[in-house]
Protein backbone atom coordinates (compact mmCIF):
# COMPACT_ATOMS: atom_id res chain seq x y z
CA MET A 1 85.33 104.13 121.82
CA GLY A 2 84.91 106.53 118.89
CA SER A 3 88.62 106.86 118.26
CA ILE A 4 89.11 103.07 118.40
CA VAL A 5 86.42 102.64 115.75
CA CYS A 6 87.88 105.41 113.56
CA GLU A 7 91.40 103.97 113.88
CA ALA A 8 90.20 100.46 113.01
CA PHE A 9 88.22 101.78 110.04
CA GLY A 10 91.31 103.65 108.86
CA ARG A 11 93.44 100.51 109.05
CA ASN A 12 90.85 98.58 107.04
CA LEU A 13 90.61 101.34 104.44
CA ARG A 14 94.40 101.52 104.09
CA ALA A 15 94.76 97.74 103.75
CA ILE A 16 92.02 97.44 101.12
CA ARG A 17 93.22 100.56 99.27
CA LYS A 18 96.74 99.15 99.03
CA SER A 19 95.54 95.67 98.06
CA LYS A 20 93.61 97.23 95.17
CA GLY A 21 96.64 99.24 94.03
CA PHE A 22 95.19 102.65 94.86
CA SER A 23 97.36 105.51 96.10
CA GLN A 24 95.88 107.95 98.59
CA GLU A 25 96.00 110.52 95.79
CA ARG A 26 93.98 108.38 93.39
CA LEU A 27 91.37 107.41 95.99
CA ALA A 28 91.00 111.03 97.05
CA HIS A 29 90.66 112.24 93.47
CA ASP A 30 88.12 109.58 92.56
CA ALA A 31 86.14 110.24 95.78
CA GLY A 32 86.21 114.00 95.27
CA ILE A 33 88.10 114.77 98.46
CA ASP A 34 91.55 116.09 99.37
CA ARG A 35 94.43 113.60 99.69
CA SER A 36 95.26 114.91 103.15
CA TYR A 37 91.73 114.01 104.24
CA VAL A 38 92.27 110.39 103.16
CA GLY A 39 95.40 110.38 105.32
CA LYS A 40 93.43 111.68 108.29
CA ILE A 41 90.78 108.99 107.76
CA GLU A 42 93.43 106.27 107.59
CA ARG A 43 95.05 107.55 110.80
CA GLY A 44 91.67 107.54 112.57
CA GLU A 45 91.69 111.30 113.06
CA VAL A 46 88.26 111.94 111.55
CA ASN A 47 84.85 110.31 111.64
CA ILE A 48 83.62 110.08 108.06
CA THR A 49 80.04 109.95 106.84
CA LEU A 50 78.15 106.80 105.98
CA GLU A 51 77.80 108.15 102.46
CA LYS A 52 81.59 108.37 102.07
CA ILE A 53 81.97 104.78 103.29
CA TYR A 54 79.75 103.68 100.40
CA VAL A 55 81.72 105.83 97.95
CA PHE A 56 84.99 104.22 99.07
CA ALA A 57 83.46 100.74 98.85
CA GLU A 58 82.26 101.37 95.30
CA LEU A 59 85.62 102.76 94.20
CA LEU A 60 87.55 99.92 95.83
CA GLU A 61 85.07 97.30 94.56
CA CYS A 62 84.40 95.89 98.00
CA SER A 63 81.48 95.74 100.38
CA PRO A 64 81.02 98.61 102.86
CA LYS A 65 81.06 95.83 105.47
CA ASP A 66 84.66 95.03 104.46
CA LEU A 67 85.69 98.53 105.52
CA MET A 68 83.93 98.38 108.87
CA PRO A 69 85.94 97.34 111.93
CA ASP A 70 85.12 94.17 113.82
CA LEU A 71 84.29 95.55 117.26
CA ASN A 72 84.47 92.07 118.78
CA GLN A 73 88.25 92.26 118.45
CA HIS A 74 88.47 95.12 120.94
C-alpha cells in the first residue's frame, strides 16, 4: 500500500504544482531540495516527511489535506 499512497501523493503534488504555475525547479528551490527529488516524489518513488508536506502546502498556498491522496478511491 505504501507505493500506492506515494504515487497518489505525487500525482496530487504534480497537479497542484502545475495549477499554481510552479516548475519542479522553482518548487525545489523554494523548498530547499534538489529538483530531481521533486521528480522522485511526483513519481511516487520516495516517501517524504510530514514536515515537507507542510512546506509544499505553504509554498503552493493550499492545505496539506489537498496534497494527501484519497485512500477511498483505491
